[in-house]
Amino acid sequence: MFNKENTVKIMNEFGKKKLPFLFIIDFDFKNSIILRANAIDESKIKYSFNSELNNKVKKLNNKIDFKIIPPSFNEFEKAFNRVQKEIKAGNTYLLNLTFSSEIKGNFDLYDVYESAKAPYKLWLKDKFTVFSPETFIKITESKIFSYPMKGTLDADIPDAKNIILNDRKETAEHYTIVDLIRNDLNQIAKNVKVERFRYIDKIRTNRKNLLQVSSEISGELPADYYKNIGTILDKLLPAGSISGAPKKKTVEIINETETHKRGFYTGVAGFFDGKNLDSFVMIRFVTKNGNKFFFKSGGGITNFSNAQSEYDELCDKIYIPI
């Protein structure tokens, strides 16, 4: 594990030498794993980024039995009300509130990794697995892209697409995050612009189908950006979509309000191949603690939010995409 200072230094050094490497950074940027591509032990770490193999997943001998024990609504409402108090005081206007829910079933972390269909997957033996739909940043030929994801709804609700696109709360939340990411990218890139605004993806899960709303934002980096990969990430983290705005104060409120430690959940992981970089936000996250498994999930809270709706969204996000 590396601390923030050493993480930035090592990533910059590997980048300057154009050495391929994997990085895994926790939400608070206090602990990081950085491994040269030729030093990865596949018996302990497996990953796949935007691979065709992610859609050719292993079929388990037995159907996964999946039971959820979410936090009580009263527990959620207590934290929700505290966030609303901070919003009314002007300390934050968007905060991503998360909880940890116990899950039970006939599976282990590797089963989840092998059976999940997702653009990004990562497994750390006896620690966690994540199957994320959300890109953090991509860098291709010195052009940087970000794809903030904000807005989730049950896809099987009649007229679900129009409902989510016209929802006042979801719209305000998405505008806020897009503006935040644009400001973040302007710190390290030129000609920042929104390429696509509020497009919808459909995700099939073991419980229900979901619609998720994203936007695409781009910018231009110097040709030698790879010499400063660590510095770039330091300026962009934590990801705006899973923290909130204004970012610094909102993170302080998150740490005071949430009932669990996020750890690597909502951090980022990525791979630099010596030329280009791809990375993702570590959401849709299952962790192991002793003999128990926990699924971490959450959603954005604004002054338009309704406690019951936000609680339902938190529970809807507890799934395995198989």
C-alpha atoms as a PDB file:
ATOM      1  CA  MET A   1       0.000   0.000   0.000  1.00  0.00           C
ATOM      2  CA  PHE A   2       1.184   3.521  -0.796  1.00  0.00           C
ATOM      3  CA  ASN A   3       0.119   6.848   0.663  1.00  0.00           C
ATOM      4  CA  LYS A   4      -0.960   9.770  -1.521  1.00  0.00           C
ATOM      5  CA  GLU A   5       2.462  11.379  -1.854  1.00  0.00           C
ATOM      6  CA  ASN A   6       4.170   8.158  -2.893  1.00  0.00           C
ATOM      7  CA  THR A   7       1.298   7.208  -5.193  1.00  0.00           C
ATOM      8  CA  VAL A   8       1.627  10.429  -7.186  1.00  0.00           C
ATOM      9  CA  LYS A   9       5.417  10.069  -7.342  1.00  0.00           C
ATOM     10  CA  ILE A  10       5.403   6.422  -8.485  1.00  0.00           C
ATOM     11  CA  MET A  11       2.692   6.967 -11.093  1.00  0.00           C
ATOM     12  CA  ASN A  12       4.580   9.927 -12.537  1.00  0.00           C
ATOM     13  CA  GLU A  13       7.789   7.861 -12.664  1.00  0.00           C
ATOM     14  CA  PHE A  14       6.112   4.902 -14.375  1.00  0.00           C
ATOM     15  CA  GLY A  15       4.419   7.280 -16.790  1.00  0.00           C
ATOM     16  CA  LYS A  16       7.664   9.021 -17.755  1.00  0.00           C
ATOM     17  CA  LYS A  17       9.178   5.631 -18.567  1.00  0.00           C
ATOM     18  CA  LYS A  18       5.984   4.545 -20.369  1.00  0.00           C
ATOM     19  CA  LEU A  19       5.780   1.445 -18.187  1.00  0.00           C
ATOM     20  CA  PRO A  20       2.335  -0.252 -18.182  1.00  0.00           C
ATOM     21  CA  PHE A  21       0.803  -0.400 -14.704  1.00  0.00           C
ATOM     22  CA  LEU A  22      -2.403  -1.031 -12.755  1.00  0.00           C
ATOM     23  CA  PHE A  23      -3.544   1.400 -10.058  1.00  0.00           C
ATOM     24  CA  ILE A  24      -6.222   1.087  -7.381  1.00  0.00           C
ATOM     25  CA  ILE A  25      -6.869   4.176  -5.223  1.00  0.00           C
ATOM     26  CA  ASP A  26      -9.252   4.415  -2.259  1.00  0.00           C
ATOM     27  CA  PHE A  27     -11.882   7.124  -1.788  1.00  0.00           C
ATOM     28  CA  ASP A  28      -9.819   9.203   0.645  1.00  0.00           C
ATOM     29  CA  PHE A  29      -6.600   8.822  -1.393  1.00  0.00           C
ATOM     30  CA  LYS A  30      -4.890   7.443   1.717  1.00  0.00           C
ATOM     31  CA  ASN A  31      -4.162   3.936   0.440  1.00  0.00           C
ATOM     32  CA  SER A  32      -3.244   2.855  -3.065  1.00  0.00           C
ATOM     33  CA  ILE A  33      -2.065  -0.252  -4.868  1.00  0.00           C
ATOM     34  CA  ILE A  34       0.232   0.289  -7.860  1.00  0.00           C
ATOM     35  CA  LEU A  35       1.599  -2.688  -9.766  1.00  0.00           C
ATOM     36  CA  ARG A  36       3.671  -2.970 -12.910  1.00  0.00           C
ATOM     37  CA  ALA A  37       1.772  -5.035 -15.445  1.00  0.00           C
ATOM     38  CA  ASN A  38       4.458  -7.738 -15.418  1.00  0.00           C
ATOM     39  CA  ALA A  39       4.296  -8.014 -11.602  1.00  0.00           C
ATOM     40  CA  ILE A  40       0.573  -8.744 -11.190  1.00  0.00           C
ATOM     41  CA  ASP A  41      -0.159 -12.049  -9.463  1.00  0.00           C
ATOM     42  CA  GLU A  42      -3.343 -13.334 -11.125  1.00  0.00           C
ATOM     43  CA  SER A  43      -4.023 -15.655  -8.200  1.00  0.00           C
ATOM     44  CA  LYS A  44      -4.616 -12.522  -6.086  1.00  0.00           C
ATOM     45  CA  ILE A  45      -5.771  -9.813  -8.516  1.00  0.00           C
ATOM     46  CA  LYS A  46      -7.829 -10.016 -11.677  1.00  0.00           C
ATOM     47  CA  TYR A  47      -9.153  -7.140 -13.757  1.00  0.00           C
ATOM     48  CA  SER A  48     -10.810  -6.463 -17.083  1.00  0.00           C
ATOM     49  CA  PHE A  49     -11.435  -3.064 -18.655  1.00  0.00           C
ATOM     50  CA  ASN A  50     -13.883  -2.746 -21.562  1.00  0.00           C
ATOM     51  CA  SER A  51     -13.055  -6.246 -22.756  1.00  0.00           C
ATOM     52  CA  GLU A  52     -15.196  -8.438 -24.995  1.00  0.00           C
ATOM     53  CA  LEU A  53     -14.604 -11.123 -22.379  1.00  0.00           C
ATOM     54  CA  ASN A  54     -16.804  -9.144 -19.997  1.00  0.00           C
ATOM     55  CA  ASN A  55     -19.785 -10.246 -22.073  1.00  0.00           C
ATOM     56  CA  LYS A  56     -18.619 -13.876 -22.210  1.00  0.00           C
ATOM     57  CA  VAL A  57     -18.884 -14.515 -18.517  1.00  0.00           C
ATOM     58  CA  LYS A  58     -18.733 -17.779 -16.620  1.00  0.00           C
ATOM     59  CA  LYS A  59     -22.034 -19.520 -15.976  1.00  0.00           C
ATOM     60  CA  LEU A  60     -22.215 -20.845 -12.450  1.00  0.00           C
ATOM     61  CA  ASN A  61     -23.296 -24.396 -11.717  1.00  0.00           C
ATOM     62  CA  ASN A  62     -25.861 -23.081  -9.260  1.00  0.00           C
ATOM     63  CA  LYS A  63     -28.016 -19.983  -9.552  1.00  0.00           C
ATOM     64  CA  ILE A  64     -26.796 -17.313  -7.155  1.00  0.00           C
ATOM     65  CA  ASP A  65     -29.044 -17.077  -4.109  1.00  0.00           C
ATOM     66  CA  PHE A  66     -29.008 -13.397  -3.225  1.00  0.00           C
ATOM     67  CA  LYS A  67     -30.540 -12.052  -0.008  1.00  0.00           C
ATOM     68  CA  ILE A  68     -30.213  -8.383   0.972  1.00  0.00           C
ATOM     69  CA  ILE A  69     -30.176  -6.978   4.491  1.00  0.00           C
ATOM     70  CA  PRO A  70     -30.181  -3.211   3.858  1.00  0.00           C
ATOM     71  CA  PRO A  71     -29.981  -0.540   6.546  1.00  0.00           C
ATOM     72  CA  SER A  72     -33.344   0.277   8.075  1.00  0.00           C
ATOM     73  CA  PHE A  73     -35.262   3.193   6.629  1.00  0.00           C
ATOM     74  CA  ASN A  74     -35.005   4.944  10.012  1.00  0.00           C
ATOM     75  CA  GLU A  75     -31.215   4.656   9.934  1.00  0.00           C
ATOM     76  CA  PHE A  76     -31.140   5.999   6.387  1.00  0.00           C
ATOM     77  CA  GLU A  77     -33.574   8.817   7.181  1.00  0.00           C
ATOM     78  CA  LYS A  78     -31.432   9.984  10.086  1.00  0.00           C
ATOM     79  CA  ALA A  79     -28.426  10.448   7.798  1.00  0.00           C
ATOM     80  CA  PHE A  80     -30.633  11.891   5.036  1.00  0.00           C
ATOM     81  CA  ASN A  81     -32.013  14.555   7.395  1.00  0.00           C
ATOM     82  CA  ARG A  82     -28.523  15.509   8.493  1.00  0.00           C
ATOM     83  CA  VAL A  83     -27.531  16.009   4.856  1.00  0.00           C
ATOM     84  CA  GLN A  84     -30.647  18.124   4.257  1.00  0.00           C
ATOM     85  CA  LYS A  85     -29.670  20.291   7.220  1.00  0.00           C
ATOM     86  CA  GLU A  86     -26.247  20.862   5.647  1.00  0.00           C
ATOM     87  CA  ILE A  87     -27.884  21.697   2.304  1.00  0.00           C
ATOM     88  CA  LYS A  88     -30.190  24.247   3.926  1.00  0.00           C
ATOM     89  CA  ALA A  89     -27.166  25.780   5.674  1.00  0.00           C
ATOM     90  CA  GLY A  90     -25.483  26.242   2.279  1.00  0.00           C
ATOM     91  CA  ASN A  91     -22.576  23.894   3.058  1.00  0.00           C
ATOM     92  CA  THR A  92     -23.345  21.523   0.174  1.00  0.00           C
ATOM     93  CA  TYR A  93     -25.872  21.412  -2.637  1.00  0.00           C
ATOM     94  CA  LEU A  94     -25.233  17.846  -3.776  1.00  0.00           C
ATOM     95  CA  LEU A  95     -23.930  14.997  -1.621  1.00  0.00           C
ATOM     96  CA  ASN A  96     -23.599  11.341  -2.541  1.00  0.00           C
ATOM     97  CA  LEU A  97     -24.789   9.452   0.539  1.00  0.00           C
ATOM     98  CA  THR A  98     -23.809   5.772   0.784  1.00  0.00           C
ATOM     99  CA  PHE A  99     -24.461   2.805   3.059  1.00  0.00           C
ATOM    100  CA  SER A 100     -23.218  -0.750   3.497  1.00  0.00           C
ATOM    101  CA  SER A 101     -25.773  -3.592   3.271  1.00  0.00           C
ATOM    102  CA  GLU A 102     -25.106  -7.175   4.269  1.00  0.00           C
ATOM    103  CA  ILE A 103     -25.796  -9.727   1.527  1.00  0.00           C
ATOM    104  CA  LYS A 104     -26.107 -13.477   1.914  1.00  0.00           C
ATOM    105  CA  GLY A 105     -25.955 -16.244  -0.649  1.00  0.00           C
ATOM    106  CA  ASN A 106     -24.211 -19.238  -2.148  1.00  0.00           C
ATOM    107  CA  PHE A 107     -21.342 -17.308  -3.721  1.00  0.00           C
ATOM    108  CA  ASP A 108     -17.889 -15.936  -3.043  1.00  0.00           C
ATOM    109  CA  LEU A 109     -16.147 -12.836  -4.372  1.00  0.00           C
ATOM    110  CA  TYR A 110     -14.629 -14.646  -7.317  1.00  0.00           C
ATOM    111  CA  ASP A 111     -18.020 -16.079  -8.316  1.00  0.00           C
ATOM    112  CA  VAL A 112     -19.359 -12.529  -8.500  1.00  0.00           C
ATOM    113  CA  TYR A 113     -16.362 -11.379 -10.560  1.00  0.00           C
ATOM    114  CA  GLU A 114     -16.676 -14.269 -13.015  1.00  0.00           C
ATOM    115  CA  SER A 115     -20.439 -14.072 -13.463  1.00  0.00           C
ATOM    116  CA  ALA A 116     -20.932 -10.288 -13.629  1.00  0.00           C
ATOM    117  CA  LYS A 117     -21.433  -8.495 -16.933  1.00  0.00           C
ATOM    118  CA  ALA A 118     -19.995  -4.983 -16.715  1.00  0.00           C
ATOM    119  CA  PRO A 119     -17.659  -2.665 -18.645  1.00  0.00           C
ATOM    120  CA  TYR A 120     -15.151  -2.740 -15.779  1.00  0.00           C
ATOM    121  CA  LYS A 121     -14.367  -5.561 -13.360  1.00  0.00           C
ATOM    122  CA  LEU A 122     -11.807  -5.997 -10.593  1.00  0.00           C
ATOM    123  CA  TRP A 123     -11.215  -8.719  -7.995  1.00  0.00           C
ATOM    124  CA  LEU A 124      -8.855  -8.686  -5.007  1.00  0.00           C
ATOM    125  CA  LYS A 125      -8.677 -12.046  -3.284  1.00  0.00           C
ATOM    126  CA  ASP A 126     -10.535 -12.109   0.047  1.00  0.00           C
ATOM    127  CA  LYS A 127     -10.940  -8.298  -0.087  1.00  0.00           C
ATOM    128  CA  PHE A 128     -13.501  -7.124  -2.616  1.00  0.00           C
ATOM    129  CA  THR A 129     -14.858  -7.378  -6.121  1.00  0.00           C
ATOM    130  CA  VAL A 130     -16.362  -4.586  -8.196  1.00  0.00           C
ATOM    131  CA  PHE A 131     -18.325  -4.615 -11.467  1.00  0.00           C
ATOM    132  CA  SER A 132     -18.688  -0.993 -12.463  1.00  0.00           C
ATOM    133  CA  PRO A 133     -20.650   0.653 -15.278  1.00  0.00           C
ATOM    134  CA  GLU A 134     -18.992   4.056 -14.756  1.00  0.00           C
ATOM    135  CA  THR A 135     -15.851   5.302 -16.498  1.00  0.00           C
ATOM    136  CA  PHE A 136     -13.811   7.803 -14.497  1.00  0.00           C
ATOM    137  CA  ILE A 137     -11.414   9.111 -17.159  1.00  0.00           C
ATOM    138  CA  LYS A 138     -10.068   7.802 -20.440  1.00  0.00           C
ATOM    139  CA  ILE A 139      -7.036   9.275 -22.149  1.00  0.00           C
ATOM    140  CA  THR A 140      -6.517   8.444 -25.820  1.00  0.00           C
ATOM    141  CA  GLU A 141      -3.848  10.187 -27.889  1.00  0.00           C
ATOM    142  CA  SER A 142      -3.674  13.008 -25.329  1.00  0.00           C
ATOM    143  CA  LYS A 143      -7.430  13.630 -25.359  1.00  0.00           C
ATOM    144  CA  ILE A 144      -9.156  13.111 -22.014  1.00  0.00           C
ATOM    145  CA  PHE A 145     -12.757  11.964 -21.586  1.00  0.00           C
ATOM    146  CA  SER A 146     -14.940  11.723 -18.489  1.00  0.00           C
ATOM    147  CA  TYR A 147     -18.357  10.071 -18.244  1.00  0.00           C
ATOM    148  CA  PRO A 148     -20.133  11.130 -15.027  1.00  0.00           C
ATOM    149  CA  MET A 149     -23.128   8.932 -14.208  1.00  0.00           C
ATOM    150  CA  LYS A 150     -26.057  10.435 -12.310  1.00  0.00           C
ATOM    151  CA  GLY A 151     -29.611   9.150 -12.372  1.00  0.00           C
ATOM    152  CA  THR A 152     -30.926   5.602 -11.863  1.00  0.00           C
ATOM    153  CA  LEU A 153     -34.468   4.252 -12.320  1.00  0.00           C
ATOM    154  CA  ASP A 154     -36.227   0.915 -12.643  1.00  0.00           C
ATOM    155  CA  ALA A 155     -36.322   0.361 -16.415  1.00  0.00           C
ATOM    156  CA  ASP A 156     -39.542  -1.638 -16.261  1.00  0.00           C
ATOM    157  CA  ILE A 157     -41.629   1.273 -14.967  1.00  0.00           C
ATOM    158  CA  PRO A 158     -43.966   2.430 -17.776  1.00  0.00           C
ATOM    159  CA  ASP A 159     -42.435   5.359 -19.692  1.00  0.00           C
ATOM    160  CA  ALA A 160     -39.293   5.097 -17.536  1.00  0.00           C
ATOM    161  CA  LYS A 161     -37.064   6.966 -20.005  1.00  0.00           C
ATOM    162  CA  ASN A 162     -39.229  10.083 -20.076  1.00  0.00           C
ATOM    163  CA  ILE A 163     -39.777   9.931 -16.327  1.00  0.00           C
ATOM    164  CA  ILE A 164     -36.070  10.003 -15.490  1.00  0.00           C
ATOM    165  CA  LEU A 165     -35.180  12.598 -18.140  1.00  0.00           C
ATOM    166  CA  ASN A 166     -37.939  14.944 -16.920  1.00  0.00           C
ATOM    167  CA  ASP A 167     -37.478  14.391 -13.201  1.00  0.00           C
ATOM    168  CA  ARG A 168     -36.661  17.748 -11.566  1.00  0.00           C
ATOM    169  CA  LYS A 169     -34.342  16.312  -8.921  1.00  0.00           C
ATOM    170  CA  GLU A 170     -32.452  14.032 -11.333  1.00  0.00           C
ATOM    171  CA  THR A 171     -32.042  16.830 -13.866  1.00  0.00           C
ATOM    172  CA  ALA A 172     -30.669  19.293 -11.301  1.00  0.00           C
ATOM    173  CA  GLU A 173     -28.314  16.642  -9.932  1.00  0.00           C
ATOM    174  CA  HIS A 174     -26.964  15.804 -13.370  1.00  0.00           C
ATOM    175  CA  TYR A 175     -26.406  19.461 -14.311  1.00  0.00           C
ATOM    176  CA  THR A 176     -24.480  19.941 -11.061  1.00  0.00           C
ATOM    177  CA  ILE A 177     -22.187  16.970 -11.658  1.00  0.00           C
ATOM    178  CA  VAL A 178     -21.502  17.856 -15.285  1.00  0.00           C
ATOM    179  CA  ASP A 179     -20.574  21.389 -14.223  1.00  0.00           C
ATOM    180  CA  LEU A 180     -18.336  20.015 -11.464  1.00  0.00           C
ATOM    181  CA  ILE A 181     -16.516  17.636 -13.826  1.00  0.00           C
ATOM    182  CA  ARG A 182     -16.044  20.392 -16.397  1.00  0.00           C
ATOM    183  CA  ASN A 183     -14.408  22.529 -13.715  1.00  0.00           C
ATOM    184  CA  ASP A 184     -12.216  19.599 -12.630  1.00  0.00           C
ATOM    185  CA  LEU A 185     -11.045  18.933 -16.190  1.00  0.00           C
ATOM    186  CA  ASN A 186     -10.326  22.626 -16.755  1.00  0.00           C
ATOM    187  CA  GLN A 187      -7.587  22.308 -14.120  1.00  0.00           C
ATOM    188  CA  ILE A 188      -5.566  19.958 -16.303  1.00  0.00           C
ATOM    189  CA  ALA A 189      -6.914  20.248 -19.869  1.00  0.00           C
ATOM    190  CA  LYS A 190      -7.765  22.785 -22.566  1.00  0.00           C
ATOM    191  CA  ASN A 191     -10.842  23.105 -24.784  1.00  0.00           C
ATOM    192  CA  VAL A 192     -13.077  21.283 -22.298  1.00  0.00           C
ATOM    193  CA  LYS A 193     -16.559  20.647 -23.663  1.00  0.00           C
ATOM    194  CA  VAL A 194     -19.633  18.465 -23.226  1.00  0.00           C
ATOM    195  CA  GLU A 195     -19.776  15.984 -26.115  1.00  0.00           C
ATOM    196  CA  ARG A 196     -23.020  14.224 -25.077  1.00  0.00           C
ATOM    197  CA  PHE A 197     -25.486  15.273 -22.402  1.00  0.00           C
ATOM    198  CA  ARG A 198     -27.755  12.902 -20.469  1.00  0.00           C
ATOM    199  CA  TYR A 199     -27.694   9.780 -22.592  1.00  0.00           C
ATOM    200  CA  ILE A 200     -29.191   6.557 -21.222  1.00  0.00           C
ATOM    201  CA  ASP A 201     -27.810   3.042 -20.806  1.00  0.00           C
ATOM    202  CA  LYS A 202     -29.852   0.009 -19.805  1.00  0.00           C
ATOM    203  CA  ILE A 203     -28.380  -2.475 -17.340  1.00  0.00           C
ATOM    204  CA  ARG A 204     -29.766  -5.978 -16.832  1.00  0.00           C
ATOM    205  CA  THR A 205     -29.375  -7.362 -13.327  1.00  0.00           C
ATOM    206  CA  ASN A 206     -30.341 -10.412 -11.292  1.00  0.00           C
ATOM    207  CA  ARG A 207     -33.140  -8.413  -9.627  1.00  0.00           C
ATOM    208  CA  LYS A 208     -34.467  -5.873 -12.135  1.00  0.00           C
ATOM    209  CA  ASN A 209     -33.457  -3.820 -15.163  1.00  0.00           C
ATOM    210  CA  LEU A 210     -32.142  -0.300 -14.585  1.00  0.00           C
ATOM    211  CA  LEU A 211     -31.804   2.876 -16.627  1.00  0.00           C
ATOM    212  CA  GLN A 212     -28.721   4.965 -15.878  1.00  0.00           C
ATOM    213  CA  VAL A 213     -28.049   8.470 -17.164  1.00  0.00           C
ATOM    214  CA  SER A 214     -24.566   9.690 -18.130  1.00  0.00           C
ATOM    215  CA  SER A 215     -22.833  12.507 -19.991  1.00  0.00           C
ATOM    216  CA  GLU A 216     -19.580  12.649 -21.944  1.00  0.00           C
ATOM    217  CA  ILE A 217     -17.084  15.485 -21.370  1.00  0.00           C
ATOM    218  CA  SER A 218     -13.769  15.899 -23.204  1.00  0.00           C
ATOM    219  CA  GLY A 219     -10.635  18.010 -23.098  1.00  0.00           C
ATOM    220  CA  GLU A 220      -7.150  18.214 -24.605  1.00  0.00           C
ATOM    221  CA  LEU A 221      -3.981  17.358 -22.656  1.00  0.00           C
ATOM    222  CA  PRO A 222      -0.334  18.100 -23.491  1.00  0.00           C
ATOM    223  CA  ALA A 223       1.302  15.460 -25.691  1.00  0.00           C
ATOM    224  CA  ASP A 224       3.566  14.455 -22.792  1.00  0.00           C
ATOM    225  CA  TYR A 225       0.702  14.089 -20.292  1.00  0.00           C
ATOM    226  CA  TYR A 226       2.001  10.630 -19.329  1.00  0.00           C
ATOM    227  CA  LYS A 227       4.821  12.263 -17.355  1.00  0.00           C
ATOM    228  CA  ASN A 228       2.217  13.595 -14.915  1.00  0.00           C
ATOM    229  CA  ILE A 229      -0.362  10.822 -14.573  1.00  0.00           C
ATOM    230  CA  GLY A 230      -0.192  10.896 -10.770  1.00  0.00           C
ATOM    231  CA  THR A 231      -0.455  14.679 -10.658  1.00  0.00           C
ATOM    232  CA  ILE A 232      -3.477  14.635 -12.982  1.00  0.00           C
ATOM    233  CA  LEU A 233      -5.320  12.106 -10.829  1.00  0.00           C
ATOM    234  CA  ASP A 234      -4.453  14.028  -7.670  1.00  0.00           C
ATOM    235  CA  LYS A 235      -6.225  17.092  -9.083  1.00  0.00           C
ATOM    236  CA  LEU A 236      -9.302  15.163 -10.198  1.00  0.00           C
ATOM    237  CA  LEU A 237      -9.937  12.945  -7.156  1.00  0.00           C
ATOM    238  CA  PRO A 238     -12.235  12.131  -5.553  1.00  0.00           C
ATOM    239  CA  ALA A 239     -14.598  11.596  -8.458  1.00  0.00           C
ATOM    240  CA  GLY A 240     -17.315  14.230  -8.467  1.00  0.00           C
ATOM    241  CA  SER A 241     -20.143  11.799  -9.205  1.00  0.00           C
ATOM    242  CA  ILE A 242     -19.627   9.925  -5.923  1.00  0.00           C
ATOM    243  CA  SER A 243     -18.706  12.875  -3.685  1.00  0.00           C
ATOM    244  CA  GLY A 244     -20.653  16.031  -4.519  1.00  0.00           C
ATOM    245  CA  ALA A 245     -20.354  19.794  -4.707  1.00  0.00           C
ATOM    246  CA  PRO A 246     -18.591  21.819  -3.527  1.00  0.00           C
ATOM    247  CA  LYS A 247     -16.240  18.876  -3.333  1.00  0.00           C
ATOM    248  CA  LYS A 248     -13.966  19.639  -0.365  1.00  0.00           C
ATOM    249  CA  LYS A 249     -16.709  20.610   2.115  1.00  0.00           C
ATOM    250  CA  THR A 250     -19.009  17.852   0.868  1.00  0.00           C
ATOM    251  CA  VAL A 251     -16.360  15.194   1.512  1.00  0.00           C
ATOM    252  CA  GLU A 252     -16.016  16.509   5.078  1.00  0.00           C
ATOM    253  CA  ILE A 253     -19.778  16.115   5.580  1.00  0.00           C
ATOM    254  CA  ILE A 254     -19.680  12.605   4.070  1.00  0.00           C
ATOM    255  CA  ASN A 255     -17.007  11.535   6.556  1.00  0.00           C
ATOM    256  CA  GLU A 256     -19.047  12.956   9.446  1.00  0.00           C
ATOM    257  CA  THR A 257     -22.400  11.512   8.324  1.00  0.00           C
ATOM    258  CA  GLU A 258     -21.918   8.076   6.802  1.00  0.00           C
ATOM    259  CA  THR A 259     -22.149   5.072   9.083  1.00  0.00           C
ATOM    260  CA  HIS A 260     -19.426   3.035   7.321  1.00  0.00           C
ATOM    261  CA  LYS A 261     -15.909   3.605   6.050  1.00  0.00           C
ATOM    262  CA  ARG A 262     -15.829   3.634   2.275  1.00  0.00           C
ATOM    263  CA  GLY A 263     -12.270   2.341   1.890  1.00  0.00           C
ATOM    264  CA  PHE A 264     -11.742   1.406  -1.760  1.00  0.00           C
ATOM    265  CA  TYR A 265     -15.456   1.750  -2.487  1.00  0.00           C
ATOM    266  CA  THR A 266     -16.014   4.845  -4.686  1.00  0.00           C
ATOM    267  CA  GLY A 267     -12.280   5.116  -5.241  1.00  0.00           C
ATOM    268  CA  VAL A 268     -10.894   4.604  -8.743  1.00  0.00           C
ATOM    269  CA  ALA A 269      -8.949   1.898 -10.531  1.00  0.00           C
ATOM    270  CA  GLY A 270      -7.262   2.074 -13.882  1.00  0.00           C
ATOM    271  CA  PHE A 271      -4.626   0.816 -16.279  1.00  0.00           C
ATOM    272  CA  PHE A 272      -1.954   2.702 -18.229  1.00  0.00           C
ATOM    273  CA  ASP A 273      -0.718   0.679 -21.211  1.00  0.00           C
ATOM    274  CA  GLY A 274       2.340   2.814 -21.890  1.00  0.00           C
ATOM    275  CA  LYS A 275       0.458   5.219 -24.142  1.00  0.00           C
ATOM    276  CA  ASN A 276      -3.217   5.489 -23.201  1.00  0.00           C
ATOM    277  CA  LEU A 277      -5.116   5.261 -19.910  1.00  0.00           C
ATOM    278  CA  ASP A 278      -8.506   3.859 -18.945  1.00  0.00           C
ATOM    279  CA  SER A 279     -10.057   4.044 -15.468  1.00  0.00           C
ATOM    280  CA  PHE A 280     -13.346   3.601 -13.643  1.00  0.00           C
ATOM    281  CA  VAL A 281     -15.180   4.598 -10.486  1.00  0.00           C
ATOM    282  CA  MET A 282     -15.416   1.666  -8.055  1.00  0.00           C
ATOM    283  CA  ILE A 283     -19.175   1.458  -7.641  1.00  0.00           C
ATOM    284  CA  ARG A 284     -21.268  -1.775  -7.605  1.00  0.00           C
ATOM    285  CA  PHE A 285     -18.940  -3.037  -4.918  1.00  0.00           C
ATOM    286  CA  VAL A 286     -18.972  -6.230  -2.820  1.00  0.00           C
ATOM    287  CA  THR A 287     -16.554  -6.554   0.072  1.00  0.00           C
ATOM    288  CA  LYS A 288     -15.772  -9.372   2.494  1.00  0.00           C
ATOM    289  CA  ASN A 289     -15.340  -8.934   6.245  1.00  0.00           C
ATOM    290  CA  GLY A 290     -14.627 -12.207   8.018  1.00  0.00           C
ATOM    291  CA  ASN A 291     -17.247 -14.624   6.721  1.00  0.00           C
ATOM    292  CA  LYS A 292     -19.740 -11.916   5.836  1.00  0.00           C
ATOM    293  CA  PHE A 293     -20.312 -10.076   2.561  1.00  0.00           C
ATOM    294  CA  PHE A 294     -21.409  -6.465   2.190  1.00  0.00           C
ATOM    295  CA  PHE A 295     -22.666  -4.503  -0.810  1.00  0.00           C
ATOM    296  CA  LYS A 296     -22.037  -0.756  -0.733  1.00  0.00           C
ATOM    297  CA  SER A 297     -24.410   1.570  -2.559  1.00  0.00           C
ATOM    298  CA  GLY A 298     -25.862   5.066  -2.472  1.00  0.00           C
ATOM    299  CA  GLY A 299     -27.110   8.062  -4.408  1.00  0.00           C
ATOM    300  CA  GLY A 300     -27.013  11.826  -4.735  1.00  0.00           C
ATOM    301  CA  ILE A 301     -28.963  13.970  -2.276  1.00  0.00           C
ATOM    302  CA  THR A 302     -30.174  17.468  -3.198  1.00  0.00           C
ATOM    303  CA  ASN A 303     -32.764  19.830  -1.742  1.00  0.00           C
ATOM    304  CA  PHE A 304     -35.292  18.233  -4.153  1.00  0.00           C
ATOM    305  CA  SER A 305     -34.671  14.732  -2.760  1.00  0.00           C
ATOM    306  CA  ASN A 306     -37.302  12.572  -1.093  1.00  0.00           C
ATOM    307  CA  ALA A 307     -36.060  10.218   1.638  1.00  0.00           C
ATOM    308  CA  GLN A 308     -38.159   7.230   0.559  1.00  0.00           C
ATOM    309  CA  SER A 309     -37.182   7.576  -3.113  1.00  0.00           C
ATOM    310  CA  GLU A 310     -33.495   7.850  -2.233  1.00  0.00           C
ATOM    311  CA  TYR A 311     -33.741   4.819   0.042  1.00  0.00           C
ATOM    312  CA  ASP A 312     -35.406   2.836  -2.751  1.00  0.00           C
ATOM    313  CA  GLU A 313     -32.632   3.839  -5.173  1.00  0.00           C
ATOM    314  CA  LEU A 314     -29.969   2.725  -2.686  1.00  0.00           C
ATOM    315  CA  CYS A 315     -31.656  -0.694  -2.508  1.00  0.00           C
ATOM    316  CA  ASP A 316     -32.169  -0.920  -6.294  1.00  0.00           C
ATOM    317  CA  LYS A 317     -28.412  -0.568  -6.792  1.00  0.00           C
ATOM    318  CA  ILE A 318     -27.741  -3.726  -4.790  1.00  0.00           C
ATOM    319  CA  TYR A 319     -27.530  -6.235  -7.619  1.00  0.00           C
ATOM    320  CA  ILE A 320     -25.327  -8.515  -9.658  1.00  0.00           C
ATOM    321  CA  PRO A 321     -25.522  -7.913 -13.456  1.00  0.00           C
ATOM    322  CA  ILE A 322     -25.973 -11.521 -14.579  1.00  0.00           C
END
